[in-house]
């Protein structure tokens, strides 16, 4: 049985459905991220789990017990807010101690648990400082220590790294994951940052307009997006319209026009759920890093570089081709890059292509 289970969880404000028919099972010790754009319902979902928002319909169960209508302070969950919500008039140690005091933990035991929690987040020498004397990353770790010191069954993180600068944010992502693995606390994190969710989660829950569109491991969600929305929200994607011109057994052939076609395994896409027939419209998804630029007379089609962007470790090219505007991402290997206006060829391996039925993006 799953450790945390959300069944048909919904939240409505009049006619507005902020979250609808949300079903998710989280295993003990798992790190799951709720990922989606602003307004998709991810924070509302997290706040329903925490008990800060009443549930309109559905059920929340923790370790087999129904906690749907249990008061927040009785759920025993650890929460790290986007703002960290530290008490400015308290020292680091006092902030971490607060939850233990509220639970009536004896002073001697508190001291040991505070010491362990601050050691876990590498702040054991800063216990007497005040939040204003800390950096953003240090304040984030204090909030994490305060949430973990109560030994919660579930840790809830609401955009915990959104206030950090880019470099520190990346460092803290891996530190957070290392701490979570060491402690083994079941964790649900809300984020709109795709790289953050993909890099540290066991599974990602991609949300759109209050509903789940895909639940998968980060690698599978990126490599095998099930909808148009997921393919474009998780990284960059070239979306190419095509028509099924042959369907036999597990293989289908898709005509892209311009004398281009792709043969795909029918078990790796929407047709695994609903058979595709001749004339059905599909969209092919090809990630920019799966494309390769070559000589103009080589590759599958000819194109011309319309713009280029230097990303340090990579070059991102926008090319104009017979299939339309395409993005190509190439590793920076130190050689001379293509210039704007250069004629190029574009090539890709057949197994780099994913297909999505055009109408899947509207289905929930």
Protein backbone atom coordinates (compact mmCIF):
# COMPACT_ATOMS: atom_id res chain seq x y z
CA UNK A 1 0.00 0.00 0.00
CA UNK A 2 1.27 3.48 -0.88
CA UNK A 3 2.36 5.74 1.96
CA UNK A 4 0.59 8.94 0.80
CA UNK A 5 -2.49 8.58 -1.38
CA UNK A 6 -4.55 11.34 -2.99
CA UNK A 7 -7.83 10.08 -4.43
CA UNK A 8 -10.08 12.20 -6.66
CA UNK A 9 -8.71 15.28 -4.90
CA UNK A 10 -10.45 18.45 -6.07
CA UNK A 11 -10.68 22.09 -5.04
CA UNK A 12 -13.22 24.51 -6.48
CA UNK A 13 -13.88 28.18 -5.87
CA UNK A 14 -17.39 28.61 -7.20
CA UNK A 15 -17.20 27.69 -10.88
CA UNK A 16 -13.38 27.80 -10.90
CA UNK A 17 -11.81 24.33 -10.60
CA UNK A 18 -8.33 24.99 -9.22
CA UNK A 19 -7.63 21.24 -8.89
CA UNK A 20 -9.77 18.51 -10.42
CA UNK A 21 -9.78 14.70 -10.10
CA UNK A 22 -6.21 14.51 -8.81
CA UNK A 23 -5.11 10.90 -8.21
CA UNK A 24 -1.59 10.18 -6.95
CA UNK A 25 0.11 7.50 -4.86
CA UNK A 26 3.48 8.28 -3.28
CA UNK A 27 5.66 5.50 -1.89
CA UNK A 28 7.50 5.77 1.42
CA UNK A 29 10.85 7.52 0.95
CA UNK A 30 9.97 8.73 -2.55
CA UNK A 31 10.76 12.25 -3.83
CA UNK A 32 7.91 13.49 -6.04
CA UNK A 33 7.69 16.91 -7.70
CA UNK A 34 4.49 18.65 -8.76
CA UNK A 35 5.55 20.55 -11.87
CA UNK A 36 3.66 23.03 -13.99
CA UNK A 37 3.22 26.69 -14.95
CA UNK A 38 1.81 29.33 -12.62
CA UNK A 39 -1.88 28.81 -11.90
CA UNK A 40 -1.92 25.09 -12.72
CA UNK A 41 -2.98 24.08 -9.19
CA UNK A 42 0.25 22.61 -7.84
CA UNK A 43 0.51 24.85 -4.77
CA UNK A 44 -3.20 24.38 -4.06
CA UNK A 45 -2.62 20.63 -4.11
CA UNK A 46 0.30 20.93 -1.70
CA UNK A 47 -1.72 23.13 0.65
CA UNK A 48 -4.55 20.59 0.68
CA UNK A 49 -2.05 17.90 1.68
CA UNK A 50 -0.76 20.20 4.44
CA UNK A 51 -4.32 21.00 5.57
CA UNK A 52 -4.07 24.74 4.93
CA UNK A 53 -6.85 24.59 2.32
CA UNK A 54 -10.08 22.63 2.71
CA UNK A 55 -10.78 19.87 0.22
CA UNK A 56 -13.87 20.29 -1.97
CA UNK A 57 -13.98 16.64 -2.94
CA UNK A 58 -11.74 13.60 -2.59
CA UNK A 59 -9.58 11.93 0.04
CA UNK A 60 -6.06 12.22 1.46
CA UNK A 61 -4.66 9.15 3.22
CA UNK A 62 -1.34 8.93 5.07
CA UNK A 63 -0.03 5.48 5.98
CA UNK A 64 -3.53 4.09 5.62
CA UNK A 65 -5.23 6.76 7.75
CA UNK A 66 -7.69 9.30 6.36
CA UNK A 67 -6.34 12.80 7.13
CA UNK A 68 -8.58 14.73 4.71
CA UNK A 69 -10.18 16.79 7.47
CA UNK A 70 -7.48 16.58 10.15
CA UNK A 71 -6.20 19.97 11.39
CA UNK A 72 -2.78 21.00 9.98
CA UNK A 73 -1.02 20.89 13.38
CA UNK A 74 -2.32 17.35 13.95
CA UNK A 75 -0.96 15.95 10.68
CA UNK A 76 2.66 16.21 11.80
CA UNK A 77 3.94 17.14 8.34
CA UNK A 78 7.08 19.18 7.72
CA UNK A 79 6.61 22.24 5.50
CA UNK A 80 9.18 24.55 3.90
CA UNK A 81 7.53 27.65 2.50
CA UNK A 82 8.67 29.70 -0.48
CA UNK A 83 9.55 32.59 1.86
CA UNK A 84 11.08 30.17 4.45
CA UNK A 85 8.89 31.91 7.11
CA UNK A 86 11.69 32.08 9.68
CA UNK A 87 11.12 33.99 12.92
CA UNK A 88 13.32 37.09 12.66
CA UNK A 89 13.55 37.60 16.44
CA UNK A 90 14.78 34.03 17.03
CA UNK A 91 18.24 32.60 16.52
CA UNK A 92 18.84 29.73 14.10
CA UNK A 93 18.75 27.21 16.96
CA UNK A 94 15.56 28.74 18.37
CA UNK A 95 13.88 28.59 14.96
CA UNK A 96 14.75 24.92 14.65
CA UNK A 97 13.62 24.28 18.22
CA UNK A 98 10.19 25.86 17.76
CA UNK A 99 8.38 22.79 16.39
CA UNK A 100 9.85 20.57 19.09
CA UNK A 101 8.70 22.95 21.82
CA UNK A 102 5.19 22.98 20.38
CA UNK A 103 5.20 19.17 20.63
CA UNK A 104 6.33 19.20 24.25
CA UNK A 105 9.72 17.58 23.62
CA UNK A 106 11.92 17.70 26.73
CA UNK A 107 14.74 20.28 26.74
CA UNK A 108 17.55 17.71 26.88
CA UNK A 109 16.16 15.80 23.90
CA UNK A 110 15.55 19.06 22.01
CA UNK A 111 19.21 20.04 22.31
CA UNK A 112 20.38 16.78 20.75
CA UNK A 113 17.85 16.87 17.92
CA UNK A 114 18.62 20.51 17.14
CA UNK A 115 22.33 19.70 17.01
CA UNK A 116 21.71 16.76 14.68
CA UNK A 117 19.40 18.77 12.40
CA UNK A 118 21.84 21.67 12.08
CA UNK A 119 24.67 19.22 11.42
CA UNK A 120 22.62 17.60 8.68
CA UNK A 121 22.32 20.94 6.83
CA UNK A 122 25.90 22.00 7.68
CA UNK A 123 24.90 24.90 9.95
CA UNK A 124 26.08 23.45 13.26
CA UNK A 125 28.38 26.44 13.87
CA UNK A 126 25.73 29.09 13.14
CA UNK A 127 23.12 28.21 15.74
CA UNK A 128 23.41 31.53 17.58
CA UNK A 129 23.02 33.73 14.50
CA UNK A 130 19.79 35.43 13.48
CA UNK A 131 18.16 34.94 10.05
CA UNK A 132 19.17 38.47 8.97
CA UNK A 133 22.83 37.48 9.43
CA UNK A 134 22.55 34.56 7.01
CA UNK A 135 22.77 34.23 3.22
CA UNK A 136 19.79 33.07 1.18
CA UNK A 137 21.13 29.53 0.95
CA UNK A 138 21.75 29.40 4.70
CA UNK A 139 18.21 30.60 5.46
CA UNK A 140 16.88 27.92 3.14
CA UNK A 141 18.82 25.28 5.07
CA UNK A 142 17.50 26.60 8.41
CA UNK A 143 13.94 26.21 7.09
CA UNK A 144 14.77 22.69 5.97
CA UNK A 145 16.30 21.81 9.36
CA UNK A 146 13.23 23.20 11.15
CA UNK A 147 10.96 21.03 8.99
CA UNK A 148 13.07 17.87 9.41
CA UNK A 149 13.79 18.14 13.15
CA UNK A 150 10.23 17.08 14.02
CA UNK A 151 10.86 13.86 12.05
CA UNK A 152 7.77 14.29 9.86
CA UNK A 153 6.29 11.38 7.90
CA UNK A 154 6.09 13.65 4.84
CA UNK A 155 8.11 16.74 3.91
CA UNK A 156 6.28 19.35 1.80
CA UNK A 157 8.37 21.88 -0.15
CA UNK A 158 6.70 24.89 -1.78
CA UNK A 159 9.09 26.39 -4.37
CA UNK A 160 11.90 26.11 -1.78
CA UNK A 161 14.65 27.47 -4.03
CA UNK A 162 12.83 30.18 -5.97
CA UNK A 163 14.49 32.99 -3.98
CA UNK A 164 18.04 31.83 -4.66
CA UNK A 165 20.33 33.01 -7.45
CA UNK A 166 20.96 30.60 -10.33
CA UNK A 167 24.30 29.15 -9.18
CA UNK A 168 23.23 28.73 -5.56
CA UNK A 169 19.94 27.27 -6.67
CA UNK A 170 21.70 24.56 -8.64
CA UNK A 171 24.00 23.75 -5.72
CA UNK A 172 21.07 23.59 -3.30
CA UNK A 173 19.11 21.23 -5.58
CA UNK A 174 21.73 18.52 -5.19
CA UNK A 175 22.23 19.27 -1.50
CA UNK A 176 18.50 18.94 -0.89
CA UNK A 177 18.40 15.61 -2.70
CA UNK A 178 21.42 14.32 -0.76
CA UNK A 179 19.78 15.28 2.55
CA UNK A 180 16.49 13.69 1.55
CA UNK A 181 18.20 10.45 0.60
CA UNK A 182 20.16 10.39 3.85
CA UNK A 183 17.08 10.97 6.01
CA UNK A 184 14.70 8.96 3.81
CA UNK A 185 11.74 11.28 4.36
CA UNK A 186 8.89 11.00 1.85
CA UNK A 187 8.95 14.34 0.01
CA UNK A 188 6.52 16.25 -2.20
CA UNK A 189 7.91 19.41 -3.83
CA UNK A 190 6.14 22.09 -5.83
CA UNK A 191 8.16 23.81 -8.55
CA UNK A 192 7.75 25.48 -11.93
CA UNK A 193 11.43 24.88 -12.72
CA UNK A 194 11.74 21.94 -15.12
CA UNK A 195 15.49 21.42 -14.59
CA UNK A 196 15.00 21.39 -10.84
CA UNK A 197 12.25 18.78 -10.98
CA UNK A 198 14.03 16.58 -13.53
CA UNK A 199 17.38 16.59 -11.72
CA UNK A 200 16.34 15.57 -8.21
CA UNK A 201 12.95 13.80 -8.35
CA UNK A 202 12.12 10.10 -8.40
CA UNK A 203 8.94 10.99 -10.29
CA UNK A 204 7.45 14.16 -11.72
CA UNK A 205 3.75 15.01 -11.83
CA UNK A 206 3.19 17.42 -14.72
CA UNK A 207 0.06 19.54 -14.21
CA UNK A 208 -1.94 21.69 -16.60
CA UNK A 209 -5.08 23.66 -15.70
CA UNK A 210 -5.66 21.85 -12.41
CA UNK A 211 -5.24 18.34 -13.79
CA UNK A 212 -2.47 15.79 -14.09
CA UNK A 213 -1.24 15.36 -17.66
CA UNK A 214 1.57 12.86 -16.99
CA UNK A 215 3.16 11.08 -14.03
CA UNK A 216 6.50 9.47 -14.80
CA UNK A 217 10.17 9.21 -13.96
CA UNK A 218 12.03 12.36 -15.08
CA UNK A 219 13.81 10.51 -17.89
CA UNK A 220 10.64 8.96 -19.32
CA UNK A 221 8.63 12.15 -19.01
CA UNK A 222 11.31 13.99 -21.00
CA UNK A 223 12.03 11.25 -23.53
CA UNK A 224 8.44 10.02 -23.98
CA UNK A 225 6.06 12.93 -23.42
CA UNK A 226 2.44 11.83 -23.73
CA UNK A 227 0.96 15.20 -24.70
CA UNK A 228 1.80 18.28 -26.71
CA UNK A 229 1.88 20.30 -23.47
CA UNK A 230 4.34 17.99 -21.69
CA UNK A 231 6.68 17.83 -24.70
CA UNK A 232 6.99 21.62 -24.78
CA UNK A 233 6.91 22.30 -21.04
CA UNK A 234 9.71 19.84 -20.25
CA UNK A 235 12.52 21.42 -22.22
CA UNK A 236 12.51 22.56 -25.83
CA UNK A 237 10.92 20.54 -28.61
CA UNK A 238 10.44 20.71 -32.37
CA UNK A 239 6.84 19.78 -33.17
CA UNK A 240 6.35 18.53 -36.75
CA UNK A 241 2.85 17.74 -38.12
CA UNK A 242 2.43 14.48 -40.01
CA UNK A 243 -0.17 12.04 -41.36
CA UNK A 244 -0.28 8.25 -40.94
CA UNK A 245 0.18 6.67 -44.38
CA UNK A 246 0.75 3.07 -43.30
CA UNK A 247 -0.25 1.11 -40.20
CA UNK A 248 0.50 -2.59 -39.82
CA UNK A 249 1.05 -4.49 -36.60
CA UNK A 250 3.37 -2.57 -34.31
CA UNK A 251 4.73 -0.28 -37.02
CA UNK A 252 3.27 2.91 -38.46
CA UNK A 253 4.61 5.17 -41.18
CA UNK A 254 4.11 8.93 -40.96
CA UNK A 255 4.35 11.29 -43.92
CA UNK A 256 5.88 14.69 -43.05
CA UNK A 257 5.61 16.06 -46.58
CA UNK A 258 8.59 17.29 -48.59
CA UNK A 259 9.49 13.64 -49.35
CA UNK A 260 10.14 12.96 -45.68
CA UNK A 261 8.62 10.16 -43.63
CA UNK A 262 9.21 8.30 -40.37
CA UNK A 263 8.46 4.71 -39.40
CA UNK A 264 7.72 4.34 -35.72
CA UNK A 265 7.05 1.59 -33.21
CA UNK A 266 3.35 1.83 -32.36
CA UNK A 267 3.94 0.68 -28.78
CA UNK A 268 5.81 3.91 -27.96
CA UNK A 269 3.17 6.56 -28.22
CA UNK A 270 -0.52 7.40 -28.06
CA UNK A 271 -1.45 4.57 -30.40
CA UNK A 272 -0.46 2.17 -27.62
CA UNK A 273 -3.67 3.45 -26.00
CA UNK A 274 -5.77 3.92 -29.14
CA UNK A 275 -4.92 2.37 -32.52
CA UNK A 276 -4.10 4.85 -35.26
CA UNK A 277 -5.51 4.49 -38.75
CA UNK A 278 -4.61 5.72 -42.21
CA UNK A 279 -5.03 9.45 -42.56
CA UNK A 280 -4.87 10.15 -38.81
CA UNK A 281 -3.00 13.34 -37.93
CA UNK A 282 -0.10 13.10 -35.48
CA UNK A 283 2.63 15.42 -34.29
CA UNK A 284 6.24 14.30 -34.21
CA UNK A 285 8.37 15.57 -31.35
CA UNK A 286 12.14 15.89 -31.79
CA UNK A 287 14.31 17.44 -29.08
CA UNK A 288 16.83 20.05 -30.35
CA UNK A 289 19.79 18.10 -28.93
CA UNK A 290 18.75 15.02 -30.95
CA UNK A 291 19.23 16.94 -34.22
CA UNK A 292 22.59 17.24 -35.95
CA UNK A 293 23.83 19.93 -38.33
CA UNK A 294 25.89 18.73 -41.29
CA UNK A 295 26.83 19.67 -44.85
CA UNK A 296 23.95 21.15 -46.93
CA UNK A 297 23.80 18.13 -49.25
CA UNK A 298 23.82 15.62 -46.38
CA UNK A 299 21.18 14.77 -43.80
CA UNK A 300 17.44 14.45 -44.21
CA UNK A 301 16.69 18.01 -45.24
CA UNK A 302 18.40 21.26 -46.14
CA UNK A 303 18.12 24.38 -44.02
CA UNK A 304 19.68 27.77 -43.39
CA UNK A 305 20.84 29.16 -40.04
CA UNK A 306 18.63 32.12 -39.15
CA UNK A 307 20.10 32.83 -35.69
CA UNK A 308 22.45 31.34 -33.12
CA UNK A 309 22.86 31.63 -29.36
CA UNK A 310 25.95 30.76 -27.33
CA UNK A 311 25.06 28.87 -24.12
CA UNK A 312 28.58 28.11 -22.94
CA UNK A 313 28.65 24.34 -23.17
CA UNK A 314 26.32 24.39 -26.18
CA UNK A 315 25.29 26.33 -29.26
CA UNK A 316 21.57 26.76 -29.91
CA UNK A 317 20.72 27.33 -33.57
CA UNK A 318 17.44 28.36 -35.11
CA UNK A 319 17.26 27.11 -38.68
CA UNK A 320 14.75 27.69 -41.46
CA UNK A 321 13.88 24.43 -43.24
CA UNK A 322 11.24 22.96 -45.51
CA UNK A 323 9.53 21.69 -42.35
CA UNK A 324 9.50 25.19 -40.90
CA UNK A 325 11.45 26.82 -38.10
CA UNK A 326 13.54 24.30 -36.11
CA UNK A 327 15.80 24.49 -33.05
CA UNK A 328 19.07 22.56 -33.07
CA UNK A 329 21.29 22.27 -30.00
CA UNK A 330 24.93 21.29 -30.60
CA UNK A 331 27.65 20.56 -28.07
CA UNK A 332 30.36 23.21 -27.96
CA UNK A 333 33.47 21.22 -28.85
CA UNK A 334 35.68 24.26 -29.37
CA UNK A 335 35.49 24.34 -33.16
CA UNK A 336 34.23 27.20 -35.33
CA UNK A 337 30.42 27.42 -35.05
CA UNK A 338 28.03 27.86 -37.96
CA UNK A 339 27.22 31.49 -38.77
CA UNK A 340 23.89 33.14 -39.41
CA UNK A 341 23.00 32.68 -43.07
CA UNK A 342 25.00 29.46 -43.48
CA UNK A 343 23.42 26.69 -45.55
CA UNK A 344 23.33 23.45 -43.54
CA UNK A 345 21.86 19.97 -43.56
CA UNK A 346 19.76 18.65 -40.67
CA UNK A 347 19.87 15.00 -39.70
CA UNK A 348 18.56 12.80 -36.90
CA UNK A 349 18.35 9.17 -35.87
CA UNK A 350 14.95 7.52 -36.30
CA UNK A 351 14.80 6.47 -32.66
CA UNK A 352 15.06 10.15 -31.62
CA UNK A 353 11.52 10.82 -32.87
CA UNK A 354 8.45 10.65 -30.63
CA UNK A 355 4.90 11.06 -31.86
CA UNK A 356 1.83 12.57 -30.24
CA UNK A 357 -1.74 12.56 -31.47
CA UNK A 358 -2.86 16.10 -32.15
CA UNK A 359 -5.98 15.85 -30.03
CA UNK A 360 -4.21 14.36 -26.98
CA UNK A 361 -3.28 17.78 -25.63
CA UNK A 362 -6.94 18.55 -24.99
CA UNK A 363 -7.73 15.26 -23.31
CA UNK A 364 -7.64 14.89 -19.54
